[in-house]
N, C-alpha and C. Protein backbone atom coordinates (compact mmCIF):
# COMPACT_ATOMS: atom_id res chain seq x y z
N MET A 1 39.69 13.31 -7.94
CA MET A 1 38.66 13.50 -7.29
C MET A 1 38.25 12.31 -6.37
N PRO A 2 38.28 12.39 -5.00
CA PRO A 2 37.91 11.04 -4.59
C PRO A 2 36.70 10.35 -4.91
N GLY A 3 36.67 8.87 -4.74
CA GLY A 3 35.69 7.95 -5.13
C GLY A 3 34.33 8.06 -3.95
N PRO A 4 33.76 7.26 -4.04
CA PRO A 4 32.49 7.00 -2.84
C PRO A 4 33.09 6.53 -1.63
N ALA A 5 32.57 7.10 0.02
CA ALA A 5 33.41 6.74 0.85
C ALA A 5 32.85 5.68 1.26
N LEU A 6 34.57 4.90 2.02
CA LEU A 6 34.45 3.55 2.46
C LEU A 6 33.36 3.31 3.47
N ILE A 7 32.91 2.35 3.55
CA ILE A 7 31.86 1.67 4.56
C ILE A 7 32.70 1.37 5.54
N ARG A 8 32.41 2.19 6.75
CA ARG A 8 33.03 1.11 7.88
C ARG A 8 31.95 0.22 8.80
N ARG A 9 32.36 -0.06 9.95
CA ARG A 9 31.56 -1.06 10.80
C ARG A 9 30.46 -0.51 11.46
N GLY A 10 30.41 0.64 11.64
CA GLY A 10 29.57 1.58 12.15
C GLY A 10 28.38 1.75 11.31
N PHE A 11 28.52 1.49 10.01
CA PHE A 11 27.26 1.73 8.88
C PHE A 11 26.15 0.54 9.10
N PHE A 12 26.76 -0.36 9.32
CA PHE A 12 25.72 -1.90 10.22
C PHE A 12 25.19 -1.82 11.35
N ASP A 13 25.58 -0.76 12.10
CA ASP A 13 25.24 -1.00 13.63
C ASP A 13 23.84 -0.48 13.62
N ARG A 14 22.79 -0.40 12.71
CA ARG A 14 21.63 -0.35 13.00
C ARG A 14 20.33 -1.41 12.57
N SER A 15 19.16 -0.91 11.91
CA SER A 15 18.44 -1.90 11.76
C SER A 15 18.77 -2.72 10.50
N VAL A 16 18.87 -3.67 10.18
CA VAL A 16 18.73 -4.45 9.21
C VAL A 16 18.07 -4.11 7.84
N HIS A 17 16.98 -3.86 8.17
CA HIS A 17 16.05 -3.45 7.32
C HIS A 17 16.74 -1.83 6.93
N GLU A 18 17.31 -1.41 7.45
CA GLU A 18 17.86 0.36 7.31
C GLU A 18 19.16 -0.05 5.88
N VAL A 19 19.96 -1.31 6.61
CA VAL A 19 21.01 -1.39 5.73
C VAL A 19 20.84 -2.12 4.72
N ALA A 20 19.85 -3.05 4.17
CA ALA A 20 19.83 -3.88 3.49
C ALA A 20 19.42 -2.74 1.73
N PRO A 21 18.57 -2.11 1.63
CA PRO A 21 18.40 -1.08 0.83
C PRO A 21 19.37 -0.09 0.26
N GLU A 22 20.24 0.35 1.82
CA GLU A 22 21.11 1.24 1.23
C GLU A 22 22.70 0.36 0.70
N LEU A 23 22.57 -0.69 0.71
CA LEU A 23 23.88 -1.39 -0.06
C LEU A 23 23.46 -1.78 -1.59
N ILE A 24 22.72 -1.45 -1.99
CA ILE A 24 22.16 -1.49 -3.55
C ILE A 24 23.20 -0.26 -4.25
N GLY A 25 23.94 -0.78 -5.07
CA GLY A 25 24.78 0.42 -5.43
C GLY A 25 25.84 0.35 -5.27
N ALA A 26 26.15 -0.21 -3.85
CA ALA A 26 27.33 -0.20 -3.17
C ALA A 26 28.37 -1.00 -3.89
N THR A 27 29.90 -0.63 -3.75
CA THR A 27 31.05 -1.66 -4.37
C THR A 27 31.08 -2.27 -3.42
N PHE A 28 31.62 -3.75 -3.72
CA PHE A 28 32.11 -4.78 -2.85
C PHE A 28 32.72 -5.65 -3.62
N LEU A 29 34.16 -5.22 -3.17
CA LEU A 29 35.46 -5.90 -3.54
C LEU A 29 36.25 -7.32 -2.78
N PHE A 30 36.43 -8.11 -2.97
CA PHE A 30 37.54 -8.90 -2.46
C PHE A 30 38.85 -9.15 -3.00
N GLU A 31 39.81 -8.84 -2.33
CA GLU A 31 41.14 -9.11 -3.12
C GLU A 31 40.96 -8.52 -4.43
N GLY A 32 40.27 -7.24 -4.33
CA GLY A 32 40.72 -6.69 -5.72
C GLY A 32 39.30 -6.93 -6.62
N VAL A 33 38.74 -7.77 -6.40
CA VAL A 33 37.88 -8.64 -7.62
C VAL A 33 36.45 -8.32 -6.65
N GLY A 34 35.39 -8.12 -7.63
CA GLY A 34 33.94 -7.67 -7.35
C GLY A 34 33.06 -6.76 -8.37
N GLY A 35 32.21 -5.86 -7.70
CA GLY A 35 31.42 -4.86 -8.30
C GLY A 35 30.61 -4.15 -7.54
N ILE A 36 29.63 -3.92 -8.46
CA ILE A 36 28.38 -3.03 -7.54
C ILE A 36 27.45 -4.06 -7.31
N ILE A 37 26.93 -3.73 -6.12
CA ILE A 37 25.88 -4.74 -5.42
C ILE A 37 24.62 -4.74 -5.87
N VAL A 38 23.97 -5.47 -6.38
CA VAL A 38 22.35 -5.20 -7.12
C VAL A 38 21.19 -6.03 -6.48
N GLU A 39 21.97 -6.62 -5.71
CA GLU A 39 20.65 -7.84 -5.08
C GLU A 39 21.07 -8.16 -4.20
N VAL A 40 20.17 -7.74 -2.74
CA VAL A 40 20.40 -8.52 -1.27
C VAL A 40 19.10 -9.00 -0.90
N GLU A 41 19.04 -9.79 0.22
CA GLU A 41 17.96 -9.97 1.42
C GLU A 41 18.55 -9.67 2.67
N ALA A 42 17.33 -9.47 3.41
CA ALA A 42 17.33 -9.02 4.98
C ALA A 42 16.97 -10.29 5.58
N TYR A 43 17.54 -10.54 7.04
CA TYR A 43 17.12 -11.73 7.47
C TYR A 43 17.49 -11.19 9.12
N HIS A 44 15.98 -11.05 9.83
CA HIS A 44 16.17 -10.40 11.13
C HIS A 44 16.04 -11.88 12.26
N HIS A 45 16.40 -11.67 13.32
CA HIS A 45 16.57 -12.78 14.44
C HIS A 45 15.13 -13.18 14.64
N THR A 46 14.23 -11.95 14.61
CA THR A 46 13.04 -12.29 14.89
C THR A 46 12.06 -13.55 13.61
N ASP A 47 12.93 -13.40 12.32
CA ASP A 47 12.48 -13.89 11.35
C ASP A 47 12.69 -15.65 11.05
N PRO A 48 11.72 -16.80 10.64
CA PRO A 48 11.85 -17.83 10.74
C PRO A 48 12.66 -18.58 10.12
N ALA A 49 12.89 -17.76 8.94
CA ALA A 49 13.99 -18.19 8.02
C ALA A 49 15.34 -17.67 8.52
N ALA A 50 15.67 -16.99 9.22
CA ALA A 50 16.74 -16.73 9.59
C ALA A 50 17.68 -17.63 10.23
N HIS A 51 18.99 -17.65 9.91
CA HIS A 51 19.76 -18.71 10.73
C HIS A 51 19.88 -18.85 12.18
N SER A 52 19.78 -17.71 12.52
CA SER A 52 19.78 -17.63 14.27
C SER A 52 18.40 -17.80 14.60
N TYR A 53 17.61 -17.99 14.12
CA TYR A 53 16.29 -17.87 14.66
C TYR A 53 15.90 -18.89 16.23
N ALA A 54 16.53 -20.07 15.72
CA ALA A 54 16.97 -20.92 16.86
C ALA A 54 17.45 -20.86 17.66
N GLY A 55 18.47 -20.03 18.03
CA GLY A 55 19.62 -19.85 18.55
C GLY A 55 20.88 -19.80 18.15
N ARG A 56 21.87 -19.46 18.76
CA ARG A 56 23.65 -19.48 18.50
C ARG A 56 23.42 -21.05 18.50
N THR A 57 24.47 -21.37 17.06
CA THR A 57 25.28 -22.46 17.10
C THR A 57 26.82 -22.12 16.81
N ALA A 58 27.50 -23.22 16.57
CA ALA A 58 28.51 -23.21 16.04
C ALA A 58 28.70 -22.49 14.99
N ARG A 59 27.80 -22.75 13.85
CA ARG A 59 27.63 -22.40 12.49
C ARG A 59 27.32 -20.96 12.11
N ASN A 60 26.30 -20.29 13.07
CA ASN A 60 25.64 -19.02 12.85
C ASN A 60 26.20 -18.26 14.29
N ALA A 61 27.39 -18.37 14.89
CA ALA A 61 27.82 -17.59 16.08
C ALA A 61 28.35 -16.28 15.46
N VAL A 62 28.69 -15.89 14.00
CA VAL A 62 29.31 -14.68 13.64
C VAL A 62 28.19 -13.77 14.06
N MET A 63 26.93 -14.59 13.53
CA MET A 63 25.74 -13.38 13.26
C MET A 63 25.40 -12.83 14.40
N PHE A 64 25.78 -13.16 15.67
CA PHE A 64 25.76 -13.12 17.30
C PHE A 64 26.51 -12.27 17.67
N GLY A 65 27.61 -11.90 16.81
CA GLY A 65 28.55 -10.89 17.53
C GLY A 65 28.64 -9.44 16.92
N PRO A 66 29.61 -8.82 16.88
CA PRO A 66 29.08 -7.18 16.48
C PRO A 66 28.92 -7.06 15.01
N PRO A 67 28.27 -6.08 14.57
CA PRO A 67 27.80 -5.67 13.24
C PRO A 67 29.27 -5.23 12.54
N GLY A 68 29.27 -5.17 11.30
CA GLY A 68 30.45 -5.28 10.41
C GLY A 68 30.93 -6.53 9.90
N TYR A 69 30.78 -7.76 10.22
CA TYR A 69 31.27 -8.54 9.86
C TYR A 69 30.64 -9.58 8.86
N ALA A 70 31.76 -10.53 7.80
CA ALA A 70 31.20 -11.22 7.07
C ALA A 70 30.91 -12.71 7.86
N TYR A 71 29.67 -13.12 7.67
CA TYR A 71 28.75 -14.35 7.74
C TYR A 71 29.08 -14.94 6.59
N VAL A 72 29.68 -16.31 6.77
CA VAL A 72 29.93 -17.06 5.36
C VAL A 72 29.40 -18.58 5.71
N TYR A 73 28.40 -19.13 5.03
CA TYR A 73 28.13 -20.65 5.40
C TYR A 73 27.98 -20.89 3.91
N ARG A 74 27.75 -22.37 3.83
CA ARG A 74 27.89 -23.27 2.87
C ARG A 74 26.05 -23.85 2.72
N SER A 75 25.70 -23.52 1.44
CA SER A 75 24.03 -23.63 1.19
C SER A 75 24.03 -25.11 0.48
N TYR A 76 23.17 -25.89 1.23
CA TYR A 76 22.98 -26.98 0.49
C TYR A 76 23.92 -27.90 0.55
N GLY A 77 25.43 -27.79 1.48
CA GLY A 77 26.42 -28.53 1.01
C GLY A 77 26.99 -27.91 0.08
N VAL A 78 26.88 -26.71 -1.09
CA VAL A 78 27.34 -27.15 -2.03
C VAL A 78 27.97 -25.74 -2.59
N HIS A 79 27.23 -24.26 -2.02
CA HIS A 79 27.49 -23.42 -2.32
C HIS A 79 28.11 -22.32 -1.00
N TRP A 80 28.78 -21.67 -0.99
CA TRP A 80 29.21 -20.48 0.06
C TRP A 80 28.63 -19.21 0.04
N CYS A 81 28.11 -18.94 0.63
CA CYS A 81 26.87 -17.36 0.35
C CYS A 81 27.61 -16.43 1.42
N VAL A 82 27.88 -15.10 1.25
CA VAL A 82 28.32 -14.30 2.06
C VAL A 82 27.15 -13.33 2.46
N ASN A 83 27.19 -13.09 3.87
CA ASN A 83 26.21 -12.01 4.59
C ASN A 83 26.95 -11.05 5.24
N PHE A 84 26.40 -10.04 5.40
CA PHE A 84 27.15 -9.08 6.09
C PHE A 84 25.87 -9.05 7.91
N VAL A 85 26.76 -8.79 8.68
CA VAL A 85 25.96 -8.97 10.29
C VAL A 85 25.77 -7.63 10.39
N CYS A 86 24.61 -7.21 10.72
CA CYS A 86 24.36 -5.71 11.20
C CYS A 86 23.49 -6.02 12.19
N GLU A 87 23.40 -4.90 13.40
CA GLU A 87 22.50 -4.70 14.50
C GLU A 87 23.33 -4.75 15.55
N ALA A 88 23.16 -4.51 16.39
CA ALA A 88 23.87 -4.62 17.85
C ALA A 88 24.34 -5.96 18.14
N GLU A 89 25.49 -6.22 18.83
CA GLU A 89 25.56 -7.58 19.32
C GLU A 89 24.83 -8.25 20.00
N GLY A 90 24.73 -9.26 19.57
CA GLY A 90 23.57 -10.55 20.27
C GLY A 90 22.09 -9.86 19.51
N SER A 91 21.74 -9.23 18.32
CA SER A 91 20.66 -9.34 17.46
C SER A 91 20.53 -10.57 16.70
N ALA A 92 21.81 -10.69 15.97
CA ALA A 92 21.98 -11.94 14.99
C ALA A 92 20.84 -11.96 13.85
N SER A 93 21.07 -10.47 13.15
CA SER A 93 20.96 -10.45 11.89
C SER A 93 21.65 -10.05 11.22
N ALA A 94 21.19 -10.22 9.70
CA ALA A 94 22.07 -10.14 8.94
C ALA A 94 21.57 -9.89 7.25
N VAL A 95 22.42 -9.19 6.54
CA VAL A 95 21.98 -8.91 4.77
C VAL A 95 22.72 -9.97 4.02
N LEU A 96 22.15 -10.81 3.28
CA LEU A 96 22.83 -11.84 2.13
C LEU A 96 23.07 -11.27 1.03
N ILE A 97 24.04 -11.23 0.61
CA ILE A 97 24.59 -10.56 -1.00
C ILE A 97 24.47 -11.44 -1.66
N ARG A 98 23.08 -11.21 -2.65
CA ARG A 98 22.89 -11.67 -3.74
C ARG A 98 23.38 -11.81 -5.40
N ALA A 99 23.69 -10.66 -5.48
CA ALA A 99 24.14 -10.32 -6.65
C ALA A 99 25.00 -8.80 -6.93
N LEU A 100 26.01 -9.37 -7.80
CA LEU A 100 26.69 -8.29 -8.10
C LEU A 100 26.58 -8.22 -9.79
N ALA A 101 26.83 -6.64 -10.25
CA ALA A 101 27.33 -6.39 -11.31
C ALA A 101 28.85 -6.10 -11.63
N PRO A 102 29.33 -6.86 -11.98
CA PRO A 102 30.55 -7.19 -12.29
C PRO A 102 31.54 -5.74 -12.55
N THR A 103 32.49 -5.69 -12.03
CA THR A 103 33.55 -4.48 -12.77
C THR A 103 34.89 -4.51 -12.18
N ALA A 104 35.53 -5.48 -11.46
CA ALA A 104 36.46 -5.47 -11.18
C ALA A 104 37.12 -7.10 -11.15
N GLY A 105 38.25 -7.11 -11.98
CA GLY A 105 38.93 -8.50 -12.58
C GLY A 105 37.83 -9.47 -13.43
N ILE A 106 37.09 -8.88 -13.84
CA ILE A 106 36.37 -10.22 -14.56
C ILE A 106 37.10 -11.11 -15.16
N PRO A 107 37.97 -11.14 -16.25
CA PRO A 107 38.91 -12.38 -16.31
C PRO A 107 38.99 -13.20 -15.49
N LEU A 108 39.29 -12.78 -14.04
CA LEU A 108 39.36 -13.94 -13.20
C LEU A 108 38.29 -14.48 -12.89
N MET A 109 37.27 -13.58 -12.83
CA MET A 109 35.86 -14.32 -12.18
C MET A 109 35.49 -15.46 -13.59
N ARG A 110 35.94 -14.89 -15.05
CA ARG A 110 35.57 -15.76 -15.88
C ARG A 110 36.03 -17.33 -15.87
N ARG A 111 37.15 -17.12 -15.04
CA ARG A 111 38.13 -18.56 -15.21
C ARG A 111 37.31 -19.08 -13.81
N ARG A 112 37.32 -18.62 -12.64
CA ARG A 112 36.52 -19.28 -11.80
C ARG A 112 35.37 -19.81 -11.79
N ARG A 113 34.38 -18.94 -12.66
CA ARG A 113 33.58 -19.78 -13.16
C ARG A 113 33.22 -20.58 -14.13
N GLY A 114 34.09 -20.60 -15.20
CA GLY A 114 34.15 -21.66 -16.08
C GLY A 114 32.99 -21.02 -17.42
N LEU A 115 32.82 -19.76 -17.20
CA LEU A 115 31.93 -19.32 -18.52
C LEU A 115 32.17 -17.99 -18.49
N ALA A 116 31.97 -17.28 -19.66
CA ALA A 116 32.02 -16.06 -20.41
C ALA A 116 31.35 -14.95 -20.24
N GLU A 117 30.29 -15.51 -20.27
CA GLU A 117 28.52 -14.48 -19.81
C GLU A 117 29.00 -13.79 -18.86
N GLU A 118 29.37 -12.25 -18.91
CA GLU A 118 29.29 -11.36 -17.52
C GLU A 118 27.98 -11.46 -17.01
N ARG A 119 26.99 -11.29 -17.43
CA ARG A 119 25.57 -11.40 -16.61
C ARG A 119 25.22 -12.36 -15.86
N LEU A 120 26.18 -13.48 -15.63
CA LEU A 120 25.79 -14.92 -15.15
C LEU A 120 26.80 -14.82 -14.05
N LEU A 121 27.93 -14.11 -14.19
CA LEU A 121 29.33 -14.54 -13.31
C LEU A 121 29.12 -14.43 -11.71
N CYS A 122 28.18 -13.48 -11.28
CA CYS A 122 27.83 -13.02 -9.93
C CYS A 122 26.08 -13.16 -9.83
N SER A 123 25.45 -13.67 -10.89
CA SER A 123 23.94 -13.55 -10.46
C SER A 123 23.17 -14.31 -9.60
N GLY A 124 23.62 -14.56 -8.28
CA GLY A 124 23.26 -15.61 -7.22
C GLY A 124 23.98 -15.30 -6.08
N PRO A 125 23.86 -15.87 -5.11
CA PRO A 125 24.68 -15.83 -3.86
C PRO A 125 25.92 -16.64 -3.93
N GLY A 126 25.52 -17.88 -4.36
CA GLY A 126 26.60 -19.09 -4.52
C GLY A 126 27.64 -18.56 -5.76
N ARG A 127 27.51 -18.11 -7.18
CA ARG A 127 27.79 -17.68 -8.08
C ARG A 127 28.85 -16.58 -7.92
N LEU A 128 28.36 -15.25 -6.94
CA LEU A 128 29.31 -14.30 -6.76
C LEU A 128 30.43 -15.02 -5.58
N CYS A 129 29.96 -15.88 -4.62
CA CYS A 129 31.10 -16.34 -4.00
C CYS A 129 32.38 -17.31 -4.52
N GLN A 130 32.00 -17.72 -5.46
CA GLN A 130 32.81 -18.67 -6.54
C GLN A 130 33.64 -17.77 -7.40
N ALA A 131 32.70 -16.48 -8.09
CA ALA A 131 33.28 -15.61 -8.87
C ALA A 131 34.61 -14.72 -7.94
N LEU A 132 34.01 -14.78 -6.62
CA LEU A 132 35.20 -13.76 -5.90
C LEU A 132 36.22 -14.69 -4.92
N ALA A 133 35.82 -15.68 -4.89
CA ALA A 133 36.62 -16.78 -4.43
C ALA A 133 36.68 -16.61 -2.94
N ILE A 134 35.20 -16.59 -2.22
CA ILE A 134 35.21 -16.37 -0.79
C ILE A 134 34.44 -17.55 -0.27
N THR A 135 35.11 -17.83 0.63
CA THR A 135 35.01 -19.13 1.44
C THR A 135 34.63 -19.13 3.08
N ASP A 136 34.40 -19.97 3.71
CA ASP A 136 34.36 -20.12 5.03
C ASP A 136 35.51 -19.74 5.73
N ALA A 137 36.40 -19.37 4.95
CA ALA A 137 38.15 -19.00 5.78
C ALA A 137 37.58 -17.72 5.84
N GLN A 138 36.49 -17.09 5.16
CA GLN A 138 36.54 -15.22 5.54
C GLN A 138 35.38 -15.00 6.29
N ASN A 139 34.60 -16.21 6.76
CA ASN A 139 33.83 -16.15 8.17
C ASN A 139 34.43 -15.56 9.36
N GLY A 140 33.73 -14.50 9.69
CA GLY A 140 34.02 -13.35 10.79
C GLY A 140 35.03 -12.35 10.48
N SER A 141 35.36 -12.32 9.46
CA SER A 141 36.49 -11.35 8.72
C SER A 141 35.20 -9.79 8.88
N PRO A 142 36.57 -8.56 9.11
CA PRO A 142 35.60 -7.52 9.04
C PRO A 142 35.46 -7.07 7.95
N LEU A 143 34.44 -6.48 7.58
CA LEU A 143 34.07 -5.94 5.96
C LEU A 143 34.61 -4.40 5.76
N ASP A 144 35.37 -3.83 6.72
CA ASP A 144 36.13 -2.61 6.66
C ASP A 144 37.62 -2.89 6.67
N ALA A 145 37.94 -4.08 6.63
CA ALA A 145 39.62 -3.88 6.17
C ALA A 145 39.93 -5.33 5.01
N PRO A 146 41.17 -4.95 4.42
CA PRO A 146 41.59 -6.04 3.39
C PRO A 146 41.35 -7.09 4.21
N PRO A 147 41.25 -8.01 3.16
CA PRO A 147 41.26 -8.03 1.80
C PRO A 147 39.37 -7.46 1.37
N PHE A 148 38.53 -6.94 2.29
CA PHE A 148 37.41 -6.26 1.94
C PHE A 148 37.66 -5.25 1.61
N VAL A 149 36.81 -4.59 0.54
CA VAL A 149 36.75 -3.54 0.27
C VAL A 149 35.27 -3.01 0.19
N LEU A 150 34.60 -2.06 0.90
CA LEU A 150 33.15 -1.78 0.51
C LEU A 150 33.11 -0.23 0.43
N ARG A 151 32.47 0.01 -0.91
CA ARG A 151 32.31 1.79 -0.59
C ARG A 151 30.64 2.05 -0.79
N ARG A 152 30.37 3.26 -0.40
CA ARG A 152 28.90 3.68 -0.43
C ARG A 152 28.76 3.82 -2.10
N ALA A 153 27.27 3.50 -2.33
CA ALA A 153 26.61 4.04 -3.56
C ALA A 153 26.91 4.94 -4.10
N ALA A 154 27.52 5.38 -5.33
CA ALA A 154 27.84 6.81 -6.12
C ALA A 154 26.65 7.52 -5.94
N ARG A 155 25.62 7.04 -6.15
CA ARG A 155 24.21 7.80 -6.31
C ARG A 155 22.95 6.93 -5.67
N ARG A 156 22.10 7.77 -5.68
CA ARG A 156 21.06 6.88 -5.34
C ARG A 156 20.09 6.27 -6.63
N GLU A 157 19.70 5.27 -5.89
CA GLU A 157 19.40 3.97 -6.95
C GLU A 157 17.72 4.15 -6.65
N GLU A 158 17.13 3.51 -8.02
CA GLU A 158 15.89 2.98 -7.93
C GLU A 158 15.62 1.94 -7.56
N ILE A 159 15.12 1.36 -6.50
CA ILE A 159 14.97 -0.14 -5.91
C ILE A 159 13.87 -1.02 -6.05
N ALA A 160 14.23 -2.07 -6.31
CA ALA A 160 12.79 -2.83 -6.66
C ALA A 160 12.66 -3.64 -4.90
N VAL A 161 11.28 -3.95 -4.76
CA VAL A 161 11.43 -4.52 -3.39
C VAL A 161 10.33 -6.05 -3.59
N GLY A 162 10.54 -7.05 -3.31
CA GLY A 162 9.63 -7.96 -3.31
C GLY A 162 10.40 -9.43 -2.39
N PRO A 163 9.54 -10.52 -2.50
CA PRO A 163 9.78 -11.70 -1.31
C PRO A 163 11.19 -12.39 -2.00
N ARG A 164 11.50 -12.68 -0.89
CA ARG A 164 13.16 -13.42 -0.77
C ARG A 164 12.91 -14.79 -1.50
N ILE A 165 14.03 -15.61 -1.73
CA ILE A 165 13.92 -16.32 -2.78
C ILE A 165 14.33 -17.39 -2.23
N GLY A 166 14.00 -18.73 -2.50
CA GLY A 166 14.41 -20.17 -2.21
C GLY A 166 14.17 -20.35 -0.71
N ILE A 167 13.23 -19.76 0.02
CA ILE A 167 12.89 -20.07 1.24
C ILE A 167 11.46 -20.35 1.67
N THR A 168 10.82 -21.37 2.40
CA THR A 168 9.38 -21.84 2.69
C THR A 168 9.03 -20.88 4.16
N LYS A 169 9.73 -20.59 5.04
CA LYS A 169 9.55 -20.10 6.07
C LYS A 169 9.34 -18.37 5.95
N ALA A 170 8.53 -17.62 6.39
CA ALA A 170 8.15 -16.31 5.87
C ALA A 170 8.35 -15.88 4.95
N ALA A 171 8.39 -16.77 3.96
CA ALA A 171 8.51 -16.37 2.24
C ALA A 171 7.66 -14.97 1.88
N GLU A 172 6.86 -14.96 2.66
CA GLU A 172 5.89 -13.72 2.01
C GLU A 172 6.41 -12.46 2.26
N LYS A 173 7.17 -12.37 3.17
CA LYS A 173 8.37 -10.97 3.88
C LYS A 173 8.65 -10.10 2.48
N PRO A 174 8.38 -9.06 2.25
CA PRO A 174 9.11 -8.34 0.82
C PRO A 174 10.32 -7.86 1.75
N TRP A 175 11.17 -8.48 2.11
CA TRP A 175 12.80 -7.93 2.38
C TRP A 175 14.01 -8.50 1.48
N ARG A 176 13.54 -8.93 0.27
CA ARG A 176 14.62 -8.66 -0.81
C ARG A 176 14.42 -7.46 -1.69
N TYR A 177 15.85 -6.93 -2.13
CA TYR A 177 15.88 -5.45 -2.75
C TYR A 177 16.74 -5.56 -3.74
N GLY A 178 16.33 -4.65 -4.62
CA GLY A 178 17.35 -5.03 -5.94
C GLY A 178 17.29 -3.42 -6.79
N LEU A 179 18.17 -3.83 -7.65
CA LEU A 179 18.54 -2.40 -8.46
C LEU A 179 17.41 -2.40 -9.78
N LYS A 180 16.76 -1.83 -9.80
CA LYS A 180 15.59 -1.62 -10.71
C LYS A 180 16.07 -1.87 -12.05
N GLY A 181 15.57 -3.09 -13.00
CA GLY A 181 16.10 -3.15 -14.36
C GLY A 181 17.23 -3.75 -14.45
N SER A 182 18.21 -4.10 -13.50
CA SER A 182 19.91 -4.85 -13.61
C SER A 182 19.56 -6.24 -14.27
N PRO A 183 20.18 -6.15 -15.48
CA PRO A 183 20.60 -7.36 -16.00
C PRO A 183 21.09 -8.64 -15.21
N HIS A 184 21.73 -8.16 -13.78
CA HIS A 184 22.50 -9.26 -13.13
C HIS A 184 22.01 -9.57 -12.15
N LEU A 185 20.42 -9.16 -11.84
CA LEU A 185 19.91 -9.96 -11.01
C LEU A 185 19.90 -11.49 -11.03
N SER A 186 19.53 -11.85 -9.89
CA SER A 186 19.48 -13.53 -9.67
C SER A 186 18.12 -13.90 -10.08
N ARG A 187 17.15 -13.22 -10.12
CA ARG A 187 15.51 -13.34 -10.90
C ARG A 187 14.91 -12.15 -10.54
N PRO A 188 14.32 -11.82 -12.06
CA PRO A 188 13.81 -10.03 -11.94
C PRO A 188 12.65 -10.41 -10.99
N PHE A 189 12.12 -9.22 -10.53
CA PHE A 189 11.46 -8.71 -9.87
C PHE A 189 10.02 -8.39 -10.53
N ARG A 190 9.06 -8.76 -9.91
CA ARG A 190 7.62 -8.90 -10.49
C ARG A 190 7.34 -7.37 -10.84
N PRO A 191 6.59 -6.77 -11.74
CA PRO A 191 6.31 -5.55 -11.97
C PRO A 191 5.69 -5.19 -10.61
N ARG A 192 5.86 -3.48 -10.83
CA ARG A 192 5.56 -2.32 -9.60
C ARG A 192 6.28 -2.82 -8.40
N GLN A 193 7.10 -3.79 -7.90
CA GLN A 193 7.84 -3.89 -6.85
C GLN A 193 9.11 -2.75 -6.93
N ILE A 194 8.70 -1.46 -6.62
CA ILE A 194 9.73 -0.87 -6.46
C ILE A 194 9.50 0.63 -5.37
N ALA A 195 10.47 0.63 -4.67
CA ALA A 195 10.49 1.22 -3.42
C ALA A 195 11.36 3.11 -3.84
N ASP A 196 10.72 3.78 -3.19
CA ASP A 196 11.58 5.12 -3.25
C ASP A 196 12.89 4.72 -2.77
N PRO A 197 14.14 5.58 -3.24
CA PRO A 197 15.56 5.37 -3.04
C PRO A 197 15.79 5.44 -1.48
N PRO A 198 16.65 5.00 -1.12
CA PRO A 198 17.00 5.31 0.54
C PRO A 198 17.64 6.58 0.75
N PRO A 199 17.05 7.15 1.44
CA PRO A 199 17.60 8.73 2.10
C PRO A 199 19.15 8.74 2.11
N GLY A 200 19.96 9.97 1.34
CA GLY A 200 21.01 10.40 1.50
C GLY A 200 21.45 11.43 0.56
């Protein structure tokens, strides 16, 4: 029996606020290593916390391109972070992938991260990029072509919703989405931050 359908670039050609929660439960692999997306954050071009808010630069140019591409940047000069570009070309909106539940290539992830505890391998945007070996070399790469593989969630998930992490601008916006009860979240959600599962 075939597995869940592959996610194509057209999936991302709509509101970032529709795409973000639907990514919870999806499978994300890079060169065969990865797992189930359990936490994301949405960033819209009208959002002061978005890299695109002040306009196009060499760093954020991929955000202004067509949807369905990877936007990879270095956070605080230390960690790589991977985002999925959404909405029509020029919108400059994206979803930050914050955490995965590892399912493929776990021994390799452990070597890359230098630790054994599975719960901590991909519990944060910098950690997951280190575990999957994603760098700026992947910036601008299509998400529906090798070495990336994205598959839709196998079932509808119960989703927690809350404010984003580690930002000061528009920090109150409830644009962080996560898999309820997952031990792989970068940070737990507060009680009652539960949303209806996405339609489908």
